[in-house]
Amino acid sequence: MESAGIWIKGGSQNLIEENEIWDHVHFRVALDLAKGSSAENNGIVLTNEIARETHRRNAIHGTFNESGPAAHPPPAASQRDRPYDNILYEHTDDGMEPKANCSNVRI
């Protein structure tokens, strides 16, 4: 089950800025228990075809993953992802997890 603070399904030139995205419960779940459960949540999720996405000046904390700057599931792809000036902390798994189906990502 996918869950996210912000979920963008397709589009172009998406901008996510100046948000606080957090979860105060799931961060405390151990990695081996969280993996594959509802505790495996994300700060930001991109699905379907994403032409361009920027997320900046956000504070994202306490989630399983911050984001994976790529649309999923494959073969969806994203191009020109530009995450910057974000504050990331207390993630159970990944702060940033770029996937093979994205291009021109600058972290």
PDB file of N, CA and C in Angstrom:
ATOM      1  N   MET A   1       0.848  -1.183   0.000  1.00  0.00           N
ATOM      2  CA  MET A   1       0.000   0.000   0.000  1.00  0.00           C
ATOM      3  C   MET A   1       0.891   1.242   0.000  1.00  0.00           C
ATOM      4  N   GLU A   2       0.722   2.070  -0.983  1.00  0.00           N
ATOM      5  CA  GLU A   2       1.501   3.303  -1.115  1.00  0.00           C
ATOM      6  C   GLU A   2       0.828   4.400  -0.303  1.00  0.00           C
ATOM      7  N   SER A   3       1.615   5.139   0.437  1.00  0.00           N
ATOM      8  CA  SER A   3       1.083   6.300   1.140  1.00  0.00           C
ATOM      9  C   SER A   3       2.112   7.415   1.089  1.00  0.00           C
ATOM     10  N   ALA A   4       1.631   8.644   1.114  1.00  0.00           N
ATOM     11  CA  ALA A   4       2.544   9.770   0.977  1.00  0.00           C
ATOM     12  C   ALA A   4       1.941  11.031   1.573  1.00  0.00           C
ATOM     13  N   GLY A   5       2.832  11.922   1.983  1.00  0.00           N
ATOM     14  CA  GLY A   5       2.387  13.241   2.397  1.00  0.00           C
ATOM     15  C   GLY A   5       1.886  14.029   1.206  1.00  0.00           C
ATOM     16  N   ILE A   6       2.625  13.978   0.097  1.00  0.00           N
ATOM     17  CA  ILE A   6       2.227  14.610  -1.170  1.00  0.00           C
ATOM     18  C   ILE A   6       2.411  13.574  -2.267  1.00  0.00           C
ATOM     19  N   TRP A   7       1.379  13.378  -3.069  1.00  0.00           N
ATOM     20  CA  TRP A   7       1.411  12.383  -4.148  1.00  0.00           C
ATOM     21  C   TRP A   7       1.018  13.082  -5.439  1.00  0.00           C
ATOM     22  N   ILE A   8       1.930  13.129  -6.399  1.00  0.00           N
ATOM     23  CA  ILE A   8       1.661  13.731  -7.701  1.00  0.00           C
ATOM     24  C   ILE A   8       1.548  12.620  -8.728  1.00  0.00           C
ATOM     25  N   LYS A   9       0.429  12.600  -9.434  1.00  0.00           N
ATOM     26  CA  LYS A   9       0.172  11.566 -10.439  1.00  0.00           C
ATOM     27  C   LYS A   9       0.226  12.194 -11.818  1.00  0.00           C
ATOM     28  N   GLY A  10       1.426  12.230 -12.389  1.00  0.00           N
ATOM     29  CA  GLY A  10       1.604  12.752 -13.743  1.00  0.00           C
ATOM     30  C   GLY A  10       1.677  14.260 -13.772  1.00  0.00           C
ATOM     31  N   GLY A  11       1.812  14.765 -14.977  1.00  0.00           N
ATOM     32  CA  GLY A  11       1.826  16.205 -15.166  1.00  0.00           C
ATOM     33  C   GLY A  11       3.191  16.714 -15.584  1.00  0.00           C
ATOM     34  N   SER A  12       3.277  18.013 -15.690  1.00  0.00           N
ATOM     35  CA  SER A  12       4.549  18.624 -16.062  1.00  0.00           C
ATOM     36  C   SER A  12       4.743  19.902 -15.261  1.00  0.00           C
ATOM     37  N   GLN A  13       5.977  20.219 -15.019  1.00  0.00           N
ATOM     38  CA  GLN A  13       6.381  21.413 -14.296  1.00  0.00           C
ATOM     39  C   GLN A  13       5.705  21.515 -12.934  1.00  0.00           C
ATOM     40  N   ASN A  14       5.724  20.414 -12.183  1.00  0.00           N
ATOM     41  CA  ASN A  14       5.182  20.394 -10.832  1.00  0.00           C
ATOM     42  C   ASN A  14       6.150  21.094  -9.878  1.00  0.00           C
ATOM     43  N   LEU A  15       5.633  21.857  -8.948  1.00  0.00           N
ATOM     44  CA  LEU A  15       6.438  22.535  -7.951  1.00  0.00           C
ATOM     45  C   LEU A  15       5.865  22.242  -6.578  1.00  0.00           C
ATOM     46  N   ILE A  16       6.690  21.683  -5.719  1.00  0.00           N
ATOM     47  CA  ILE A  16       6.321  21.411  -4.326  1.00  0.00           C
ATOM     48  C   ILE A  16       7.260  22.249  -3.482  1.00  0.00           C
ATOM     49  N   GLU A  17       6.736  23.250  -2.781  1.00  0.00           N
ATOM     50  CA  GLU A  17       7.644  24.137  -2.065  1.00  0.00           C
ATOM     51  C   GLU A  17       7.044  24.628  -0.756  1.00  0.00           C
ATOM     52  N   GLU A  18       7.964  24.807   0.219  1.00  0.00           N
ATOM     53  CA  GLU A  18       7.673  25.395   1.517  1.00  0.00           C
ATOM     54  C   GLU A  18       6.579  24.665   2.281  1.00  0.00           C
ATOM     55  N   ASN A  19       6.740  23.337   2.380  1.00  0.00           N
ATOM     56  CA  ASN A  19       5.830  22.495   3.152  1.00  0.00           C
ATOM     57  C   ASN A  19       6.590  21.846   4.293  1.00  0.00           C
ATOM     58  N   GLU A  20       5.871  21.472   5.322  1.00  0.00           N
ATOM     59  CA  GLU A  20       6.418  20.559   6.325  1.00  0.00           C
ATOM     60  C   GLU A  20       5.620  19.275   6.190  1.00  0.00           C
ATOM     61  N   ILE A  21       6.335  18.204   5.877  1.00  0.00           N
ATOM     62  CA  ILE A  21       5.730  16.885   5.688  1.00  0.00           C
ATOM     63  C   ILE A  21       6.342  15.986   6.745  1.00  0.00           C
ATOM     64  N   TRP A  22       5.499  15.403   7.599  1.00  0.00           N
ATOM     65  CA  TRP A  22       6.065  14.621   8.688  1.00  0.00           C
ATOM     66  C   TRP A  22       5.118  13.522   9.150  1.00  0.00           C
ATOM     67  N   ASP A  23       5.700  12.564   9.825  1.00  0.00           N
ATOM     68  CA  ASP A  23       4.967  11.479  10.466  1.00  0.00           C
ATOM     69  C   ASP A  23       5.666  11.227  11.790  1.00  0.00           C
ATOM     70  N   HIS A  24       4.954  11.285  12.859  1.00  0.00           N
ATOM     71  CA  HIS A  24       5.584  11.112  14.165  1.00  0.00           C
ATOM     72  C   HIS A  24       5.462   9.693  14.714  1.00  0.00           C
ATOM     73  N   VAL A  25       4.798   8.799  14.007  1.00  0.00           N
ATOM     74  CA  VAL A  25       4.619   7.434  14.486  1.00  0.00           C
ATOM     75  C   VAL A  25       5.526   6.455  13.751  1.00  0.00           C
ATOM     76  N   HIS A  26       5.479   6.463  12.421  1.00  0.00           N
ATOM     77  CA  HIS A  26       6.148   5.423  11.640  1.00  0.00           C
ATOM     78  C   HIS A  26       7.662   5.458  11.716  1.00  0.00           C
ATOM     79  N   PHE A  27       8.267   6.593  12.003  1.00  0.00           N
ATOM     80  CA  PHE A  27       9.717   6.649  12.112  1.00  0.00           C
ATOM     81  C   PHE A  27      10.227   5.721  13.213  1.00  0.00           C
ATOM     82  N   ARG A  28       9.441   5.487  14.205  1.00  0.00           N
ATOM     83  CA  ARG A  28       9.864   4.671  15.345  1.00  0.00           C
ATOM     84  C   ARG A  28       9.736   3.160  15.090  1.00  0.00           C
ATOM     85  N   VAL A  29       9.169   2.773  13.951  1.00  0.00           N
ATOM     86  CA  VAL A  29       9.030   1.356  13.613  1.00  0.00           C
ATOM     87  C   VAL A  29      10.344   0.858  13.020  1.00  0.00           C
ATOM     88  N   ALA A  30      10.853  -0.258  13.511  1.00  0.00           N
ATOM     89  CA  ALA A  30      12.118  -0.823  13.027  1.00  0.00           C
ATOM     90  C   ALA A  30      12.034  -1.132  11.529  1.00  0.00           C
ATOM     91  N   LEU A  31      13.164  -0.993  10.838  1.00  0.00           N
ATOM     92  CA  LEU A  31      13.224  -1.179   9.389  1.00  0.00           C
ATOM     93  C   LEU A  31      12.654  -2.529   8.964  1.00  0.00           C
ATOM     94  N   ASP A  32      13.051  -3.609   9.615  1.00  0.00           N
ATOM     95  CA  ASP A  32      12.590  -4.943   9.195  1.00  0.00           C
ATOM     96  C   ASP A  32      11.085  -5.128   9.414  1.00  0.00           C
ATOM     97  N   LEU A  33      10.494  -4.428  10.367  1.00  0.00           N
ATOM     98  CA  LEU A  33       9.052  -4.502  10.575  1.00  0.00           C
ATOM     99  C   LEU A  33       8.294  -3.555   9.637  1.00  0.00           C
ATOM    100  N   ALA A  34       8.913  -2.433   9.303  1.00  0.00           N
ATOM    101  CA  ALA A  34       8.259  -1.432   8.461  1.00  0.00           C
ATOM    102  C   ALA A  34       8.210  -1.849   6.994  1.00  0.00           C
ATOM    103  N   LYS A  35       9.262  -2.516   6.515  1.00  0.00           N
ATOM    104  CA  LYS A  35       9.357  -2.879   5.103  1.00  0.00           C
ATOM    105  C   LYS A  35       8.154  -3.728   4.688  1.00  0.00           C
ATOM    106  N   GLY A  36       7.425  -3.253   3.681  1.00  0.00           N
ATOM    107  CA  GLY A  36       6.275  -3.997   3.173  1.00  0.00           C
ATOM    108  C   GLY A  36       4.988  -3.782   3.959  1.00  0.00           C
ATOM    109  N   SER A  37       5.012  -2.941   4.989  1.00  0.00           N
ATOM    110  CA  SER A  37       3.806  -2.674   5.778  1.00  0.00           C
ATOM    111  C   SER A  37       3.307  -1.262   5.499  1.00  0.00           C
ATOM    112  N   SER A  38       2.236  -0.875   6.162  1.00  0.00           N
ATOM    113  CA  SER A  38       1.710   0.481   5.996  1.00  0.00           C
ATOM    114  C   SER A  38       2.660   1.533   6.567  1.00  0.00           C
ATOM    115  N   ALA A  39       3.646   1.127   7.341  1.00  0.00           N
ATOM    116  CA  ALA A  39       4.646   2.056   7.873  1.00  0.00           C
ATOM    117  C   ALA A  39       5.655   2.471   6.802  1.00  0.00           C
ATOM    118  N   GLU A  40       5.660   1.804   5.658  1.00  0.00           N
ATOM    119  CA  GLU A  40       6.580   2.147   4.567  1.00  0.00           C
ATOM    120  C   GLU A  40       5.973   3.300   3.760  1.00  0.00           C
ATOM    121  N   ASN A  41       5.974   4.482   4.355  1.00  0.00           N
ATOM    122  CA  ASN A  41       5.377   5.653   3.717  1.00  0.00           C
ATOM    123  C   ASN A  41       6.457   6.571   3.165  1.00  0.00           C
ATOM    124  N   ASN A  42       6.032   7.583   2.457  1.00  0.00           N
ATOM    125  CA  ASN A  42       6.952   8.508   1.790  1.00  0.00           C
ATOM    126  C   ASN A  42       6.515   9.943   2.019  1.00  0.00           C
ATOM    127  N   GLY A  43       7.477  10.840   2.031  1.00  0.00           N
ATOM    128  CA  GLY A  43       7.151  12.261   2.085  1.00  0.00           C
ATOM    129  C   GLY A  43       6.519  12.711   0.784  1.00  0.00           C
ATOM    130  N   ILE A  44       7.162  12.377  -0.345  1.00  0.00           N
ATOM    131  CA  ILE A  44       6.680  12.765  -1.670  1.00  0.00           C
ATOM    132  C   ILE A  44       6.734  11.555  -2.590  1.00  0.00           C
ATOM    133  N   VAL A  45       5.656  11.324  -3.327  1.00  0.00           N
ATOM    134  CA  VAL A  45       5.596  10.215  -4.288  1.00  0.00           C
ATOM    135  C   VAL A  45       5.200  10.774  -5.655  1.00  0.00           C
ATOM    136  N   LEU A  46       5.883  10.314  -6.689  1.00  0.00           N
ATOM    137  CA  LEU A  46       5.563  10.671  -8.075  1.00  0.00           C
ATOM    138  C   LEU A  46       5.168   9.394  -8.806  1.00  0.00           C
ATOM    139  N   THR A  47       4.019   9.411  -9.462  1.00  0.00           N
ATOM    140  CA  THR A  47       3.614   8.249 -10.256  1.00  0.00           C
ATOM    141  C   THR A  47       3.149   8.716 -11.632  1.00  0.00           C
ATOM    142  N   ASN A  48       3.109   7.789 -12.558  1.00  0.00           N
ATOM    143  CA  ASN A  48       2.782   8.047 -13.955  1.00  0.00           C
ATOM    144  C   ASN A  48       3.905   8.884 -14.580  1.00  0.00           C
ATOM    145  N   GLU A  49       3.677   9.405 -15.747  1.00  0.00           N
ATOM    146  CA  GLU A  49       4.712  10.185 -16.434  1.00  0.00           C
ATOM    147  C   GLU A  49       4.815  11.575 -15.813  1.00  0.00           C
ATOM    148  N   ILE A  50       6.007  11.934 -15.399  1.00  0.00           N
ATOM    149  CA  ILE A  50       6.276  13.249 -14.818  1.00  0.00           C
ATOM    150  C   ILE A  50       7.289  13.934 -15.730  1.00  0.00           C
ATOM    151  N   ALA A  51       6.929  15.060 -16.319  1.00  0.00           N
ATOM    152  CA  ALA A  51       7.836  15.735 -17.250  1.00  0.00           C
ATOM    153  C   ALA A  51       8.889  16.559 -16.513  1.00  0.00           C
ATOM    154  N   ARG A  52       8.515  17.194 -15.431  1.00  0.00           N
ATOM    155  CA  ARG A  52       9.482  17.996 -14.682  1.00  0.00           C
ATOM    156  C   ARG A  52       8.933  18.200 -13.277  1.00  0.00           C
ATOM    157  N   GLU A  53       9.799  18.023 -12.295  1.00  0.00           N
ATOM    158  CA  GLU A  53       9.357  18.159 -10.912  1.00  0.00           C
ATOM    159  C   GLU A  53      10.444  18.856 -10.124  1.00  0.00           C
ATOM    160  N   THR A  54      10.066  19.819  -9.317  1.00  0.00           N
ATOM    161  CA  THR A  54      10.986  20.489  -8.416  1.00  0.00           C
ATOM    162  C   THR A  54      10.367  20.483  -7.037  1.00  0.00           C
ATOM    163  N   HIS A  55      11.128  20.009  -6.064  1.00  0.00           N
ATOM    164  CA  HIS A  55      10.666  20.244  -4.694  1.00  0.00           C
ATOM    165  C   HIS A  55      11.797  20.923  -3.939  1.00  0.00           C
ATOM    166  N   ARG A  56      11.438  22.050  -3.329  1.00  0.00           N
ATOM    167  CA  ARG A  56      12.441  22.888  -2.695  1.00  0.00           C
ATOM    168  C   ARG A  56      11.873  23.534  -1.431  1.00  0.00           C
ATOM    169  N   ARG A  57      12.807  23.823  -0.526  1.00  0.00           N
ATOM    170  CA  ARG A  57      12.487  24.501   0.727  1.00  0.00           C
ATOM    171  C   ARG A  57      11.371  23.814   1.508  1.00  0.00           C
ATOM    172  N   ASN A  58      11.423  22.487   1.550  1.00  0.00           N
ATOM    173  CA  ASN A  58      10.488  21.696   2.347  1.00  0.00           C
ATOM    174  C   ASN A  58      11.233  21.099   3.531  1.00  0.00           C
ATOM    175  N   ALA A  59      10.535  20.863   4.606  1.00  0.00           N
ATOM    176  CA  ALA A  59      11.067  20.101   5.737  1.00  0.00           C
ATOM    177  C   ALA A  59      10.310  18.779   5.750  1.00  0.00           C
ATOM    178  N   ILE A  60      11.047  17.691   5.572  1.00  0.00           N
ATOM    179  CA  ILE A  60      10.427  16.366   5.494  1.00  0.00           C
ATOM    180  C   ILE A  60      11.120  15.486   6.525  1.00  0.00           C
ATOM    181  N   HIS A  61      10.343  14.965   7.475  1.00  0.00           N
ATOM    182  CA  HIS A  61      10.951  14.182   8.556  1.00  0.00           C
ATOM    183  C   HIS A  61       9.974  13.152   9.111  1.00  0.00           C
ATOM    184  N   GLY A  62      10.544  12.103   9.681  1.00  0.00           N
ATOM    185  CA  GLY A  62       9.755  11.081  10.338  1.00  0.00           C
ATOM    186  C   GLY A  62       9.091  10.067   9.429  1.00  0.00           C
ATOM    187  N   THR A  63       9.294  10.151   8.125  1.00  0.00           N
ATOM    188  CA  THR A  63       8.692   9.195   7.198  1.00  0.00           C
ATOM    189  C   THR A  63       9.674   8.061   6.904  1.00  0.00           C
ATOM    190  N   PHE A  64       9.196   7.005   6.289  1.00  0.00           N
ATOM    191  CA  PHE A  64      10.060   5.881   5.921  1.00  0.00           C
ATOM    192  C   PHE A  64      11.084   6.340   4.892  1.00  0.00           C
ATOM    193  N   ASN A  65      10.633   6.953   3.795  1.00  0.00           N
ATOM    194  CA  ASN A  65      11.490   7.551   2.764  1.00  0.00           C
ATOM    195  C   ASN A  65      11.108   9.015   2.601  1.00  0.00           C
ATOM    196  N   GLU A  66      12.082   9.837   2.254  1.00  0.00           N
ATOM    197  CA  GLU A  66      11.750  11.221   1.897  1.00  0.00           C
ATOM    198  C   GLU A  66      11.072  11.206   0.540  1.00  0.00           C
ATOM    199  N   SER A  67      11.785  10.828  -0.491  1.00  0.00           N
ATOM    200  CA  SER A  67      11.216  10.682  -1.822  1.00  0.00           C
ATOM    201  C   SER A  67      12.191   9.917  -2.694  1.00  0.00           C
ATOM    202  N   GLY A  68      11.692   9.427  -3.797  1.00  0.00           N
ATOM    203  CA  GLY A  68      12.530   8.884  -4.845  1.00  0.00           C
ATOM    204  C   GLY A  68      12.299   9.771  -6.055  1.00  0.00           C
ATOM    205  N   PRO A  69      13.255  10.583  -6.430  1.00  0.00           N
ATOM    206  CA  PRO A  69      13.010  11.512  -7.528  1.00  0.00           C
ATOM    207  C   PRO A  69      12.916  10.797  -8.871  1.00  0.00           C
ATOM    208  N   ALA A  70      11.868  10.033  -9.038  1.00  0.00           N
ATOM    209  CA  ALA A  70      11.560   9.352 -10.296  1.00  0.00           C
ATOM    210  C   ALA A  70      10.129   8.868 -10.211  1.00  0.00           C
ATOM    211  N   ALA A  71       9.437   8.930 -11.324  1.00  0.00           N
ATOM    212  CA  ALA A  71       8.077   8.406 -11.362  1.00  0.00           C
ATOM    213  C   ALA A  71       8.127   6.887 -11.332  1.00  0.00           C
ATOM    214  N   HIS A  72       7.143   6.276 -10.746  1.00  0.00           N
ATOM    215  CA  HIS A  72       7.081   4.823 -10.716  1.00  0.00           C
ATOM    216  C   HIS A  72       5.619   4.404 -10.757  1.00  0.00           C
ATOM    217  N   PRO A  73       5.269   3.194 -11.008  1.00  0.00           N
ATOM    218  CA  PRO A  73       6.191   2.100 -11.324  1.00  0.00           C
ATOM    219  C   PRO A  73       6.697   2.201 -12.756  1.00  0.00           C
ATOM    220  N   PRO A  74       7.891   1.617 -13.029  1.00  0.00           N
ATOM    221  CA  PRO A  74       8.387   1.601 -14.402  1.00  0.00           C
ATOM    222  C   PRO A  74       7.339   0.967 -15.307  1.00  0.00           C
ATOM    223  N   PRO A  75       7.191   1.388 -16.537  1.00  0.00           N
ATOM    224  CA  PRO A  75       8.114   2.204 -17.307  1.00  0.00           C
ATOM    225  C   PRO A  75       7.889   3.708 -17.180  1.00  0.00           C
ATOM    226  N   ALA A  76       7.060   4.157 -16.244  1.00  0.00           N
ATOM    227  CA  ALA A  76       6.911   5.604 -16.053  1.00  0.00           C
ATOM    228  C   ALA A  76       8.284   6.210 -15.842  1.00  0.00           C
ATOM    229  N   ALA A  77       8.468   7.417 -16.306  1.00  0.00           N
ATOM    230  CA  ALA A  77       9.783   8.051 -16.203  1.00  0.00           C
ATOM    231  C   ALA A  77       9.620   9.511 -15.841  1.00  0.00           C
ATOM    232  N   SER A  78      10.644  10.042 -15.242  1.00  0.00           N
ATOM    233  CA  SER A  78      10.639  11.474 -14.965  1.00  0.00           C
ATOM    234  C   SER A  78      11.924  12.069 -15.510  1.00  0.00           C
ATOM    235  N   GLN A  79      11.869  13.306 -15.861  1.00  0.00           N
ATOM    236  CA  GLN A  79      13.027  14.002 -16.409  1.00  0.00           C
ATOM    237  C   GLN A  79      13.172  15.343 -15.714  1.00  0.00           C
ATOM    238  N   ARG A  80      14.413  15.758 -15.553  1.00  0.00           N
ATOM    239  CA  ARG A  80      14.727  17.066 -14.997  1.00  0.00           C
ATOM    240  C   ARG A  80      14.192  17.263 -13.588  1.00  0.00           C
ATOM    241  N   ASP A  81      14.382  16.274 -12.719  1.00  0.00           N
ATOM    242  CA  ASP A  81      14.029  16.430 -11.314  1.00  0.00           C
ATOM    243  C   ASP A  81      15.050  17.331 -10.634  1.00  0.00           C
ATOM    244  N   ARG A  82      14.575  18.253  -9.805  1.00  0.00           N
ATOM    245  CA  ARG A  82      15.470  19.195  -9.161  1.00  0.00           C
ATOM    246  C   ARG A  82      15.084  19.399  -7.700  1.00  0.00           C
ATOM    247  N   PRO A  83      15.387  18.451  -6.829  1.00  0.00           N
ATOM    248  CA  PRO A  83      15.144  18.691  -5.406  1.00  0.00           C
ATOM    249  C   PRO A  83      16.300  19.502  -4.806  1.00  0.00           C
ATOM    250  N   TYR A  84      16.004  20.600  -4.120  1.00  0.00           N
ATOM    251  CA  TYR A  84      17.073  21.359  -3.470  1.00  0.00           C
ATOM    252  C   TYR A  84      16.529  22.185  -2.306  1.00  0.00           C
ATOM    253  N   ASP A  85      17.461  22.579  -1.433  1.00  0.00           N
ATOM    254  CA  ASP A  85      17.162  23.383  -0.245  1.00  0.00           C
ATOM    255  C   ASP A  85      16.097  22.755   0.644  1.00  0.00           C
ATOM    256  N   ASN A  86      16.069  21.423   0.710  1.00  0.00           N
ATOM    257  CA  ASN A  86      15.143  20.726   1.591  1.00  0.00           C
ATOM    258  C   ASN A  86      15.869  20.313   2.861  1.00  0.00           C
ATOM    259  N   ILE A  87      15.146  20.241   3.950  1.00  0.00           N
ATOM    260  CA  ILE A  87      15.686  19.747   5.212  1.00  0.00           C
ATOM    261  C   ILE A  87      15.104  18.352   5.419  1.00  0.00           C
ATOM    262  N   LEU A  88      15.977  17.348   5.483  1.00  0.00           N
ATOM    263  CA  LEU A  88      15.553  15.947   5.606  1.00  0.00           C
ATOM    264  C   LEU A  88      16.169  15.351   6.855  1.00  0.00           C
ATOM    265  N   TYR A  89      15.349  14.702   7.688  1.00  0.00           N
ATOM    266  CA  TYR A  89      15.905  14.006   8.850  1.00  0.00           C
ATOM    267  C   TYR A  89      14.914  12.974   9.377  1.00  0.00           C
ATOM    268  N   GLU A  90      15.464  12.033  10.176  1.00  0.00           N
ATOM    269  CA  GLU A  90      14.698  10.955  10.810  1.00  0.00           C
ATOM    270  C   GLU A  90      13.896  10.119   9.810  1.00  0.00           C
ATOM    271  N   HIS A  91      14.578   9.586   8.800  1.00  0.00           N
ATOM    272  CA  HIS A  91      13.927   8.671   7.861  1.00  0.00           C
ATOM    273  C   HIS A  91      14.359   7.246   8.196  1.00  0.00           C
ATOM    274  N   THR A  92      13.409   6.334   8.200  1.00  0.00           N
ATOM    275  CA  THR A  92      13.702   4.947   8.532  1.00  0.00           C
ATOM    276  C   THR A  92      14.591   4.300   7.485  1.00  0.00           C
ATOM    277  N   ASP A  93      14.395   4.631   6.210  1.00  0.00           N
ATOM    278  CA  ASP A  93      15.150   3.990   5.140  1.00  0.00           C
ATOM    279  C   ASP A  93      15.961   5.019   4.349  1.00  0.00           C
ATOM    280  N   ASP A  94      15.379   5.645   3.340  1.00  0.00           N
ATOM    281  CA  ASP A  94      16.146   6.498   2.431  1.00  0.00           C
ATOM    282  C   ASP A  94      15.740   7.964   2.520  1.00  0.00           C
ATOM    283  N   GLY A  95      16.751   8.827   2.505  1.00  0.00           N
ATOM    284  CA  GLY A  95      16.493  10.253   2.358  1.00  0.00           C
ATOM    285  C   GLY A  95      16.121  10.548   0.916  1.00  0.00           C
ATOM    286  N   MET A  96      16.962  10.161  -0.017  1.00  0.00           N
ATOM    287  CA  MET A  96      16.694  10.288  -1.450  1.00  0.00           C
ATOM    288  C   MET A  96      16.984   8.939  -2.087  1.00  0.00           C
ATOM    289  N   GLU A  97      16.128   8.513  -2.967  1.00  0.00           N
ATOM    290  CA  GLU A  97      16.294   7.211  -3.616  1.00  0.00           C
ATOM    291  C   GLU A  97      15.982   7.338  -5.108  1.00  0.00           C
ATOM    292  N   PRO A  98      16.905   7.948  -5.877  1.00  0.00           N
ATOM    293  CA  PRO A  98      16.648   8.052  -7.316  1.00  0.00           C
ATOM    294  C   PRO A  98      16.634   6.675  -7.973  1.00  0.00           C
ATOM    295  N   LYS A  99      15.733   6.487  -8.896  1.00  0.00           N
ATOM    296  CA  LYS A  99      15.574   5.206  -9.596  1.00  0.00           C
ATOM    297  C   LYS A  99      16.181   5.295 -10.995  1.00  0.00           C
ATOM    298  N   ALA A 100      16.350   4.141 -11.607  1.00  0.00           N
ATOM    299  CA  ALA A 100      16.968   4.058 -12.932  1.00  0.00           C
ATOM    300  C   ALA A 100      16.107   4.693 -14.020  1.00  0.00           C
ATOM    301  N   ASN A 101      14.826   4.895 -13.778  1.00  0.00           N
ATOM    302  CA  ASN A 101      13.942   5.423 -14.812  1.00  0.00           C
ATOM    303  C   ASN A 101      13.816   6.951 -14.766  1.00  0.00           C
ATOM    304  N   CYS A 102      14.816   7.624 -14.205  1.00  0.00           N
ATOM    305  CA  CYS A 102      14.784   9.085 -14.220  1.00  0.00           C
ATOM    306  C   CYS A 102      16.075   9.592 -14.893  1.00  0.00           C
ATOM    307  N   SER A 103      16.004  10.814 -15.384  1.00  0.00           N
ATOM    308  CA  SER A 103      17.175  11.378 -16.053  1.00  0.00           C
ATOM    309  C   SER A 103      17.321  12.852 -15.661  1.00  0.00           C
ATOM    310  N   ASN A 104      18.544  13.337 -15.754  1.00  0.00           N
ATOM    311  CA  ASN A 104      18.850  14.728 -15.438  1.00  0.00           C
ATOM    312  C   ASN A 104      18.463  15.131 -14.015  1.00  0.00           C
ATOM    313  N   VAL A 105      18.702  14.236 -13.071  1.00  0.00           N
ATOM    314  CA  VAL A 105      18.406  14.516 -11.671  1.00  0.00           C
ATOM    315  C   VAL A 105      19.598  15.223 -11.054  1.00  0.00           C
ATOM    316  N   ARG A 106      19.336  16.305 -10.370  1.00  0.00           N
ATOM    317  CA  ARG A 106      20.377  17.029  -9.645  1.00  0.00           C
ATOM    318  C   ARG A 106      20.001  17.067  -8.187  1.00  0.00           C
ATOM    319  N   ILE A 107      20.782  16.384  -7.362  1.00  0.00           N
ATOM    320  CA  ILE A 107      20.507  16.353  -5.923  1.00  0.00           C
ATOM    321  C   ILE A 107      21.608  17.121  -5.215  1.00  0.00           C
TER     322      ILE A 107
END
